[in-house]
Amino acid sequence: MNAALNKTMLNYSSAEMLDIVKEKIKYNENSSYYQTNDMLEWYSEWDFKQYNPNIYSHGFHQYPAKFIPQLARKLLRVFTDNNSVVLDIFSGSGTTLIESFLLNRKKSIGIELNPFAVFMADVKTKPINPIELRQSFSEIKNFYNSANYDLNNLDTFYNINFWFKEETIIELSILKKCITQIEQIDIQNFFLLILSDVIRKVSLTKHSGFKLHRDKLKLSPSFKPNVFFEFEKLFNKNILLMEEFYIESKNNKTEILLIHGDSRKKQNIDENSIDFILTSPPYGDSKTTVAYGQFSRLSWQWIKNDSNIYSLDNDLLGGKNNVNFNNEILEFSATLKDQLEIIKNIDSLRAKDVLSFYIDLYETLKNAYFYLKHDKYFVLVTGNRTVKNVFLRTDTIISELAHIIGFKVEKVLFRNIINKRMPDKNCPTNIKGQYSNTMLQENIIFLRKN
């Protein structure tokens, strides 16, 4: 790390952030999020081990590497107030947006390249009267039980028969038809999101993972999923969550803006217009970390029949590795340069994957600086992954790149990943016997625009 950056990081591990907390907030919190006994305990709690992340609309649907609401809530309470405009440049399934809405912030903007995630966030940020939803469910159930469906007009898309049994395709097609007869689009979308979760459960995929693999056990004749039974079960779960969300937020006035776009490119957001940026970027390229596109593919094909979802993982950060090792970014981060050289000597193609990811991430950091107001904060929650047994210091790399752009690195905290669905080891290359450690900790990086 160069001397200039060292100078900007004198408060790297100081109590400066605690002073900010003391000035802006009381430590007491809604018990659904967390409860602590005093300010120091409140400040120290980042793991949220004993708290449920699937509260309110956060629990409507799973999504890979979800940003937990307790963490988003805590940061939003410190750095924003009711007049704040909040931005999440990797908004995913909408955690930052939901928490901004629940806290009644002025405006919350999310940028996300995955169309299914944008759809999900839209549903999760719209409180709907539970009475109307129960009435609509009764209508769907009546439609379904009395359906006289044309079996020559079933939903279809590429490889549908590979992922679903024939009877399941029939039942899903009938149920989707019943849902789309609901005229009010917000209510229709609420049920389509439930349908998405059903699709994952009744498919032939391994439901526990994010990548698409057929489950050999499901190929057995004994696997006979009941589509409507699963649908009703998930509705009963989500309606309770909606009741709590509706009570908590029905009078809130937060303006929600969802942008289906690429954070590497400047969006229609004014310079110096954002009060706080909070995000959890991908930990690496989707091909070898979390395959957002594969996770979303079957749901999005059923909901929109959009084949563009096939290319999503290649379109996300680091998805294209047509880069060269002379890129200027290596002069901006000594840590990246040193670590990349080690990987390059082992596997030059994997080194290009790594470099491509950080080049793309650097572009998003520059755009974040453009959007953010002077002296305001940009907080990133990310992780340090291992590639070819090299422990990549993403926290340090981001700090070095942010310093070049003009940010001051105020602090880096670390939290244990408690609600973790990934195994401790994985096989990112899909080569038998080649395992790597997955992330057990995340970094919380506090940047301030100078």
Protein backbone atom coordinates (compact mmCIF):
# COMPACT_ATOMS: atom_id res chain seq x y z
CA MET A 1 0.00 0.00 0.00
CA ASN A 2 1.48 3.34 -0.96
CA ALA A 3 2.33 6.13 1.49
CA ALA A 4 -0.43 8.43 0.25
CA LEU A 5 -3.06 5.79 0.93
CA ASN A 6 -1.57 5.03 4.35
CA LYS A 7 -2.05 8.70 5.20
CA THR A 8 -5.76 8.56 4.28
CA MET A 9 -6.30 5.49 6.47
CA LEU A 10 -5.10 6.76 9.84
CA ASN A 11 -8.59 6.12 11.23
CA TYR A 12 -8.76 2.65 9.68
CA SER A 13 -9.34 0.96 13.02
CA SER A 14 -10.23 3.93 15.23
CA ALA A 15 -13.46 4.59 17.14
CA GLU A 16 -14.41 7.36 14.72
CA MET A 17 -17.48 5.51 13.46
CA LEU A 18 -18.71 5.02 17.02
CA ASP A 19 -18.64 8.80 17.48
CA ILE A 20 -20.82 9.18 14.37
CA VAL A 21 -23.28 6.65 15.77
CA LYS A 22 -23.48 8.43 19.12
CA GLU A 23 -24.29 11.71 17.42
CA LYS A 24 -27.03 10.39 15.16
CA ILE A 25 -28.88 7.53 16.79
CA LYS A 26 -30.22 5.82 19.88
CA TYR A 27 -29.20 2.20 20.09
CA ASN A 28 -32.68 0.76 20.75
CA GLU A 29 -34.19 -1.04 17.75
CA ASN A 30 -37.27 -2.95 16.61
CA SER A 31 -36.90 -6.41 18.20
CA SER A 32 -37.42 -8.03 14.78
CA TYR A 33 -33.97 -6.69 13.86
CA TYR A 34 -31.80 -6.79 16.97
CA GLN A 35 -31.77 -5.80 20.64
CA THR A 36 -28.71 -4.67 22.58
CA ASN A 37 -28.15 -3.41 26.11
CA ASP A 38 -26.04 -0.33 25.47
CA MET A 39 -24.41 1.75 22.74
CA LEU A 40 -21.11 -0.15 22.72
CA GLU A 41 -22.91 -3.48 22.32
CA TRP A 42 -25.07 -1.98 19.56
CA TYR A 43 -21.97 -0.73 17.77
CA SER A 44 -20.23 -4.11 18.08
CA GLU A 45 -23.09 -6.25 16.75
CA TRP A 46 -22.50 -7.09 13.07
CA ASP A 47 -23.03 -10.85 12.84
CA PHE A 48 -26.73 -10.87 13.91
CA LYS A 49 -26.39 -14.56 14.64
CA GLN A 50 -29.59 -14.90 16.66
CA TYR A 51 -31.83 -12.83 14.39
CA ASN A 52 -34.08 -13.89 11.52
CA PRO A 53 -33.15 -12.36 8.12
CA ASN A 54 -36.48 -13.42 6.55
CA ILE A 55 -38.64 -10.76 8.18
CA TYR A 56 -41.29 -8.70 6.40
CA SER A 57 -41.08 -8.96 2.62
CA HIS A 58 -37.41 -10.00 2.79
CA GLY A 59 -38.67 -13.54 3.29
CA PHE A 60 -40.85 -13.73 0.18
CA HIS A 61 -38.26 -15.51 -1.94
CA GLN A 62 -34.69 -16.71 -1.60
CA TYR A 63 -31.88 -15.17 -3.66
CA PRO A 64 -28.14 -15.95 -3.81
CA ALA A 65 -25.91 -14.17 -1.28
CA LYS A 66 -28.74 -11.99 0.03
CA PHE A 67 -27.83 -8.82 1.88
CA ILE A 68 -29.28 -9.31 5.37
CA PRO A 69 -31.83 -6.68 6.50
CA GLN A 70 -30.34 -6.24 9.98
CA LEU A 71 -27.08 -5.00 8.49
CA ALA A 72 -28.78 -2.71 5.95
CA ARG A 73 -31.10 -1.33 8.63
CA LYS A 74 -28.25 -0.54 10.99
CA LEU A 75 -26.25 1.35 8.37
CA LEU A 76 -29.26 3.23 7.04
CA ARG A 77 -30.19 4.40 10.53
CA VAL A 78 -26.71 5.81 11.07
CA PHE A 79 -26.10 7.50 7.72
CA THR A 80 -29.57 8.62 6.57
CA ASP A 81 -32.69 10.42 7.71
CA ASN A 82 -36.17 10.98 6.28
CA ASN A 83 -34.84 13.50 3.73
CA SER A 84 -32.16 11.17 2.35
CA VAL A 85 -31.87 9.79 -1.16
CA VAL A 86 -30.36 6.29 -0.95
CA LEU A 87 -28.75 4.31 -3.78
CA ASP A 88 -27.82 0.64 -4.10
CA ILE A 89 -25.73 0.05 -7.23
CA PHE A 90 -26.09 -3.75 -6.96
CA SER A 91 -29.61 -3.88 -5.59
CA GLY A 92 -30.23 -7.61 -6.12
CA SER A 93 -33.51 -8.71 -4.59
CA GLY A 94 -34.02 -5.32 -2.93
CA THR A 95 -32.81 -5.44 0.69
CA THR A 96 -31.59 -1.82 0.75
CA LEU A 97 -34.76 -0.65 -1.00
CA ILE A 98 -37.05 -2.47 1.42
CA GLU A 99 -35.24 -1.13 4.47
CA SER A 100 -35.23 2.41 3.05
CA PHE A 101 -38.97 2.04 2.54
CA LEU A 102 -39.57 0.70 6.05
CA LEU A 103 -37.54 3.62 7.46
CA ASN A 104 -39.55 6.05 5.30
CA ARG A 105 -36.56 7.64 3.56
CA LYS A 106 -37.29 10.21 0.88
CA LYS A 107 -36.19 8.12 -2.10
CA SER A 108 -34.44 4.82 -2.72
CA ILE A 109 -32.88 3.85 -6.04
CA GLY A 110 -31.68 0.42 -7.08
CA ILE A 111 -29.56 -0.50 -10.10
CA GLU A 112 -29.60 -4.17 -11.09
CA LEU A 113 -28.75 -6.06 -14.27
CA ASN A 114 -30.69 -9.24 -13.49
CA PRO A 115 -34.29 -8.73 -14.72
CA PHE A 116 -35.62 -11.40 -12.37
CA ALA A 117 -34.04 -9.63 -9.38
CA VAL A 118 -35.60 -6.33 -10.53
CA PHE A 119 -38.98 -8.07 -10.72
CA MET A 120 -38.46 -9.55 -7.25
CA ALA A 121 -37.46 -6.20 -5.71
CA ASP A 122 -40.49 -4.54 -7.28
CA VAL A 123 -42.82 -7.07 -5.63
CA LYS A 124 -41.04 -6.88 -2.28
CA THR A 125 -41.27 -3.07 -2.06
CA LYS A 126 -45.03 -2.89 -2.65
CA PRO A 127 -47.24 -3.32 0.43
CA ILE A 128 -50.63 -4.76 -0.55
CA ASN A 129 -53.67 -5.06 1.65
CA PRO A 130 -53.66 -8.71 2.84
CA ILE A 131 -57.46 -8.84 2.59
CA GLU A 132 -57.21 -8.25 -1.17
CA LEU A 133 -54.51 -10.92 -1.46
CA ARG A 134 -56.62 -13.49 0.37
CA GLN A 135 -59.56 -12.73 -1.90
CA SER A 136 -57.34 -13.10 -4.95
CA PHE A 137 -55.96 -16.39 -3.68
CA SER A 138 -59.52 -17.74 -3.38
CA GLU A 139 -60.15 -16.68 -6.98
CA ILE A 140 -56.96 -18.41 -8.17
CA LYS A 141 -57.88 -21.56 -6.28
CA ASN A 142 -61.37 -21.60 -7.81
CA PHE A 143 -59.93 -21.01 -11.29
CA TYR A 144 -57.45 -23.81 -10.78
CA ASN A 145 -59.95 -26.35 -9.49
CA SER A 146 -62.37 -25.64 -12.34
CA ALA A 147 -59.78 -25.15 -15.08
CA ASN A 148 -60.57 -26.60 -18.47
CA TYR A 149 -57.13 -26.06 -19.94
CA ASP A 150 -56.10 -26.69 -23.53
CA LEU A 151 -53.25 -29.19 -23.19
CA ASN A 152 -52.06 -28.19 -26.66
CA ASN A 153 -51.38 -24.70 -25.33
CA LEU A 154 -48.91 -25.42 -22.52
CA ASP A 155 -46.06 -23.09 -21.63
CA THR A 156 -42.86 -24.00 -23.39
CA PHE A 157 -39.27 -22.88 -23.63
CA TYR A 158 -35.91 -24.38 -24.52
CA ASN A 159 -35.16 -27.57 -22.56
CA ILE A 160 -38.33 -27.37 -20.44
CA ASN A 161 -38.73 -31.15 -20.55
CA PHE A 162 -35.20 -31.60 -19.24
CA TRP A 163 -36.01 -29.66 -16.07
CA PHE A 164 -39.65 -30.60 -15.47
CA LYS A 165 -41.76 -33.73 -15.64
CA GLU A 166 -44.68 -33.63 -18.07
CA GLU A 167 -47.38 -33.59 -15.38
CA THR A 168 -45.56 -30.76 -13.62
CA ILE A 169 -45.48 -28.70 -16.81
CA ILE A 170 -49.25 -29.14 -17.14
CA GLU A 171 -49.92 -28.10 -13.54
CA LEU A 172 -47.57 -25.10 -13.70
CA SER A 173 -49.11 -23.93 -16.99
CA ILE A 174 -52.61 -24.09 -15.53
CA LEU A 175 -51.58 -22.28 -12.36
CA LYS A 176 -49.77 -19.53 -14.27
CA LYS A 177 -52.86 -19.04 -16.44
CA CYS A 178 -55.03 -18.70 -13.32
CA ILE A 179 -52.64 -16.13 -11.80
CA THR A 180 -52.46 -14.01 -14.95
CA GLN A 181 -56.25 -13.69 -14.95
CA ILE A 182 -55.90 -11.41 -11.92
CA GLU A 183 -56.26 -7.90 -13.37
CA GLN A 184 -54.40 -5.82 -10.79
CA ILE A 185 -50.76 -6.11 -11.82
CA ASP A 186 -49.22 -5.71 -8.34
CA ILE A 187 -51.37 -8.54 -7.00
CA GLN A 188 -50.64 -10.66 -10.05
CA ASN A 189 -46.90 -10.14 -9.57
CA PHE A 190 -47.14 -11.06 -5.88
CA PHE A 191 -48.51 -14.46 -6.89
CA LEU A 192 -46.08 -14.87 -9.79
CA LEU A 193 -43.23 -14.49 -7.29
CA ILE A 194 -44.75 -17.28 -5.21
CA LEU A 195 -45.03 -19.30 -8.42
CA SER A 196 -41.29 -18.77 -8.94
CA ASP A 197 -40.52 -20.42 -5.61
CA VAL A 198 -42.86 -23.28 -6.52
CA ILE A 199 -41.02 -23.69 -9.82
CA ARG A 200 -37.73 -24.27 -8.01
CA LYS A 201 -39.30 -26.79 -5.63
CA VAL A 202 -41.10 -28.89 -8.26
CA SER A 203 -38.36 -28.81 -10.88
CA LEU A 204 -35.82 -31.59 -11.35
CA THR A 205 -33.02 -29.34 -10.08
CA LYS A 206 -31.11 -29.61 -6.84
CA HIS A 207 -33.12 -27.07 -4.91
CA SER A 208 -30.42 -26.52 -2.30
CA GLY A 209 -27.92 -24.95 -4.71
CA PHE A 210 -27.73 -21.92 -6.96
CA LYS A 211 -26.32 -23.54 -10.09
CA LEU A 212 -28.52 -25.65 -12.36
CA HIS A 213 -27.92 -29.35 -11.83
CA ARG A 214 -30.47 -32.13 -12.15
CA ASP A 215 -31.17 -34.05 -8.97
CA LYS A 216 -30.93 -37.78 -9.73
CA LEU A 217 -33.33 -38.58 -6.90
CA LYS A 218 -36.01 -36.44 -8.53
CA LEU A 219 -35.78 -38.45 -11.74
CA SER A 220 -37.36 -41.35 -9.88
CA PRO A 221 -41.07 -42.13 -10.57
CA SER A 222 -41.66 -41.54 -6.85
CA PHE A 223 -41.05 -37.80 -7.29
CA LYS A 224 -44.57 -36.53 -7.96
CA PRO A 225 -44.74 -32.94 -6.76
CA ASN A 226 -48.15 -31.39 -6.14
CA VAL A 227 -47.89 -27.93 -7.66
CA PHE A 228 -50.92 -26.35 -6.04
CA PHE A 229 -50.12 -27.84 -2.64
CA GLU A 230 -46.69 -26.16 -2.76
CA PHE A 231 -48.28 -22.93 -4.01
CA GLU A 232 -50.79 -22.81 -1.16
CA LYS A 233 -48.11 -23.58 1.42
CA LEU A 234 -45.91 -20.73 0.17
CA PHE A 235 -48.88 -18.37 -0.02
CA ASN A 236 -49.68 -19.09 3.65
CA LYS A 237 -46.08 -18.19 4.52
CA ASN A 238 -45.93 -15.02 2.40
CA ILE A 239 -49.32 -13.67 3.43
CA LEU A 240 -48.18 -13.58 7.06
CA LEU A 241 -45.04 -11.73 6.02
CA MET A 242 -47.12 -9.32 3.95
CA GLU A 243 -49.44 -8.65 6.90
CA GLU A 244 -46.46 -7.55 8.99
CA PHE A 245 -44.95 -5.55 6.11
CA TYR A 246 -48.26 -3.85 5.33
CA ILE A 247 -48.84 -2.79 8.93
CA GLU A 248 -45.28 -1.51 9.24
CA SER A 249 -45.14 0.46 5.97
CA LYS A 250 -48.60 1.16 4.52
CA ASN A 251 -48.38 4.89 5.27
CA ASN A 252 -44.78 5.33 4.16
CA LYS A 253 -44.09 7.67 1.27
CA THR A 254 -40.65 6.55 0.07
CA GLU A 255 -40.25 6.88 -3.69
CA ILE A 256 -38.81 3.66 -5.10
CA LEU A 257 -36.93 3.76 -8.41
CA LEU A 258 -35.74 0.48 -9.90
CA ILE A 259 -33.29 0.76 -12.79
CA HIS A 260 -32.75 -2.36 -14.88
CA GLY A 261 -29.25 -1.44 -15.93
CA ASP A 262 -25.51 -1.94 -15.68
CA SER A 263 -23.66 -0.24 -12.82
CA ARG A 264 -20.52 -0.10 -14.95
CA LYS A 265 -22.31 2.50 -17.08
CA LYS A 266 -23.60 5.86 -15.85
CA GLN A 267 -27.35 5.72 -15.33
CA ASN A 268 -29.83 8.60 -15.38
CA ILE A 269 -28.81 9.79 -11.92
CA ASP A 270 -27.55 13.33 -11.43
CA GLU A 271 -24.02 14.07 -10.27
CA ASN A 272 -23.73 14.85 -6.53
CA SER A 273 -27.38 13.89 -5.92
CA ILE A 274 -27.15 10.87 -3.60
CA ASP A 275 -26.94 11.13 0.19
CA PHE A 276 -25.84 7.56 0.88
CA ILE A 277 -24.79 4.56 -1.19
CA LEU A 278 -25.13 1.13 0.37
CA THR A 279 -24.42 -2.02 -1.60
CA SER A 280 -23.16 -5.57 -1.53
CA PRO A 281 -21.38 -6.19 -4.84
CA PRO A 282 -20.68 -9.67 -6.23
CA TYR A 283 -17.65 -11.33 -4.66
CA GLY A 284 -16.30 -12.32 -8.06
CA ASP A 285 -17.40 -13.32 -11.55
CA SER A 286 -20.65 -15.31 -11.55
CA LYS A 287 -19.13 -18.20 -13.48
CA THR A 288 -16.97 -19.25 -10.52
CA THR A 289 -18.73 -17.73 -7.49
CA VAL A 290 -22.52 -17.28 -7.37
CA ALA A 291 -24.35 -17.98 -10.64
CA TYR A 292 -27.15 -15.42 -10.45
CA GLY A 293 -28.23 -16.15 -14.01
CA GLN A 294 -28.48 -19.89 -13.47
CA PHE A 295 -30.42 -19.36 -10.26
CA SER A 296 -32.90 -17.06 -12.03
CA ARG A 297 -33.21 -18.88 -15.35
CA LEU A 298 -36.11 -21.28 -14.86
CA SER A 299 -38.22 -18.79 -12.89
CA TRP A 300 -37.73 -16.04 -15.44
CA GLN A 301 -38.47 -18.31 -18.38
CA TRP A 302 -41.76 -19.36 -16.79
CA ILE A 303 -42.69 -15.79 -15.81
CA LYS A 304 -41.57 -13.90 -18.95
CA ASN A 305 -40.23 -16.56 -21.33
CA ASP A 306 -37.16 -14.36 -21.78
CA SER A 307 -34.23 -16.34 -23.21
CA ASN A 308 -31.83 -13.41 -22.60
CA ILE A 309 -31.44 -14.74 -19.08
CA TYR A 310 -29.13 -17.42 -20.54
CA SER A 311 -26.35 -14.89 -21.10
CA LEU A 312 -26.72 -13.08 -17.77
CA ASP A 313 -23.74 -14.65 -15.99
CA ASN A 314 -21.50 -13.60 -18.88
CA ASP A 315 -22.90 -10.05 -18.74
CA LEU A 316 -22.29 -9.50 -15.03
CA LEU A 317 -19.05 -8.25 -13.44
CA GLY A 318 -16.06 -10.20 -14.68
CA GLY A 319 -18.18 -12.21 -17.10
CA LYS A 320 -15.96 -11.43 -20.08
CA ASN A 321 -12.23 -11.98 -19.63
CA ASN A 322 -11.01 -10.43 -22.90
CA VAL A 323 -8.57 -8.25 -20.95
CA ASN A 324 -4.80 -7.87 -21.05
CA PHE A 325 -2.31 -7.73 -18.22
CA ASN A 326 -1.23 -4.18 -19.08
CA ASN A 327 -4.44 -2.59 -17.81
CA GLU A 328 -3.89 0.65 -15.86
CA ILE A 329 -5.79 -0.70 -12.85
CA LEU A 330 -2.70 -2.70 -11.87
CA GLU A 331 -0.88 0.59 -11.25
CA PHE A 332 -3.73 1.76 -9.00
CA SER A 333 -3.67 -1.26 -6.68
CA ALA A 334 -0.35 -2.77 -5.64
CA THR A 335 -2.22 -5.52 -3.80
CA LEU A 336 -4.09 -6.60 -6.92
CA LYS A 337 -0.90 -6.46 -8.99
CA ASP A 338 1.03 -8.67 -6.58
CA GLN A 339 -1.74 -11.21 -6.06
CA LEU A 340 -2.63 -11.39 -9.75
CA GLU A 341 0.99 -12.17 -10.62
CA ILE A 342 0.87 -15.24 -8.37
CA ILE A 343 -2.36 -16.49 -9.97
CA LYS A 344 -1.04 -15.72 -13.46
CA ASN A 345 1.96 -17.98 -12.89
CA ILE A 346 -0.40 -20.82 -11.99
CA ASP A 347 -3.23 -20.26 -14.49
CA SER A 348 -3.24 -17.26 -16.83
CA LEU A 349 -6.90 -17.77 -17.83
CA ARG A 350 -8.07 -17.65 -14.22
CA ALA A 351 -5.91 -14.59 -13.72
CA LYS A 352 -7.80 -12.92 -16.57
CA ASP A 353 -11.12 -13.78 -14.88
CA VAL A 354 -9.89 -12.11 -11.70
CA LEU A 355 -8.54 -9.05 -13.50
CA SER A 356 -11.75 -8.66 -15.52
CA PHE A 357 -13.81 -8.65 -12.33
CA TYR A 358 -11.76 -5.91 -10.68
CA ILE A 359 -11.68 -3.79 -13.85
CA ASP A 360 -15.47 -3.93 -13.92
CA LEU A 361 -15.75 -3.23 -10.20
CA TYR A 362 -13.48 -0.20 -10.60
CA GLU A 363 -15.89 1.27 -13.17
CA THR A 364 -18.77 0.93 -10.70
CA LEU A 365 -16.74 2.66 -7.98
CA LYS A 366 -16.07 5.61 -10.30
CA ASN A 367 -19.78 5.94 -11.08
CA ALA A 368 -20.65 5.77 -7.39
CA TYR A 369 -18.27 8.68 -6.77
CA PHE A 370 -20.05 10.64 -9.51
CA TYR A 371 -23.51 10.10 -7.98
CA LEU A 372 -22.58 10.75 -4.34
CA LYS A 373 -22.74 14.14 -2.65
CA HIS A 374 -19.57 15.68 -1.22
CA ASP A 375 -18.64 14.42 2.26
CA LYS A 376 -21.25 11.63 2.14
CA TYR A 377 -20.68 7.91 2.67
CA PHE A 378 -20.46 4.88 0.40
CA VAL A 379 -20.56 1.57 2.29
CA LEU A 380 -19.78 -1.75 0.60
CA VAL A 381 -20.29 -5.18 2.10
CA THR A 382 -18.12 -7.66 0.26
CA GLY A 383 -15.91 -10.70 0.76
CA ASN A 384 -12.36 -11.88 0.14
CA ARG A 385 -12.45 -15.02 -2.00
CA THR A 386 -9.75 -17.56 -2.72
CA VAL A 387 -8.56 -18.23 -6.29
CA LYS A 388 -5.90 -20.87 -6.93
CA ASN A 389 -5.21 -20.88 -3.21
CA VAL A 390 -4.52 -17.14 -3.30
CA PHE A 391 -6.60 -15.28 -0.70
CA LEU A 392 -7.64 -12.19 -2.63
CA ARG A 393 -7.77 -9.11 -0.40
CA THR A 394 -10.77 -7.47 -1.98
CA ASP A 395 -11.12 -5.13 1.01
CA THR A 396 -7.61 -3.76 0.45
CA ILE A 397 -7.98 -3.70 -3.34
CA ILE A 398 -11.22 -1.71 -3.10
CA SER A 399 -9.59 0.65 -0.59
CA GLU A 400 -6.65 1.29 -2.94
CA LEU A 401 -8.87 1.81 -5.98
CA ALA A 402 -11.26 4.05 -4.02
CA HIS A 403 -8.34 6.21 -2.89
CA ILE A 404 -7.28 6.76 -6.52
CA ILE A 405 -10.84 7.84 -7.40
CA GLY A 406 -11.00 10.34 -4.54
CA PHE A 407 -12.64 8.54 -1.65
CA LYS A 408 -11.24 8.53 1.87
CA VAL A 409 -11.23 5.10 3.48
CA GLU A 410 -12.70 5.75 6.93
CA LYS A 411 -12.86 2.22 8.28
CA VAL A 412 -13.13 -1.49 7.47
CA LEU A 413 -15.08 -3.81 9.75
CA PHE A 414 -15.42 -7.58 9.52
CA ARG A 415 -18.48 -9.73 10.17
CA ASN A 416 -19.00 -13.48 10.20
CA ILE A 417 -21.40 -14.83 7.59
CA ILE A 418 -23.92 -16.63 9.76
CA ASN A 419 -26.86 -17.14 7.38
CA LYS A 420 -24.72 -18.90 4.82
CA ARG A 421 -26.13 -21.38 2.30
CA MET A 422 -22.80 -22.12 0.63
CA PRO A 423 -20.61 -24.99 1.86
CA ASP A 424 -17.26 -24.26 3.52
CA LYS A 425 -15.56 -25.65 0.40
CA ASN A 426 -16.65 -25.70 -3.22
CA CYS A 427 -15.36 -26.76 -6.63
CA PRO A 428 -15.55 -23.59 -8.76
CA THR A 429 -13.75 -25.14 -11.73
CA ASN A 430 -15.96 -28.28 -11.70
CA ILE A 431 -12.75 -30.36 -11.86
CA LYS A 432 -12.98 -33.34 -9.56
CA GLY A 433 -10.82 -32.99 -6.47
CA GLN A 434 -10.05 -29.28 -6.95
CA TYR A 435 -11.68 -27.60 -3.96
CA SER A 436 -11.40 -24.07 -2.60
CA ASN A 437 -12.48 -22.51 0.67
CA THR A 438 -15.60 -20.36 0.43
CA MET A 439 -16.02 -17.13 2.38
CA LEU A 440 -16.79 -17.27 6.07
CA GLN A 441 -16.44 -13.51 6.63
CA GLU A 442 -17.52 -10.31 4.93
CA ASN A 443 -15.89 -6.89 4.96
CA ILE A 444 -17.82 -3.69 5.63
CA ILE A 445 -15.89 -0.91 3.88
CA PHE A 446 -16.69 2.69 4.79
CA LEU A 447 -15.73 5.23 2.12
CA ARG A 448 -16.33 8.98 2.26
CA LYS A 449 -16.29 11.26 -0.76
CA ASN A 450 -13.57 13.87 -0.33
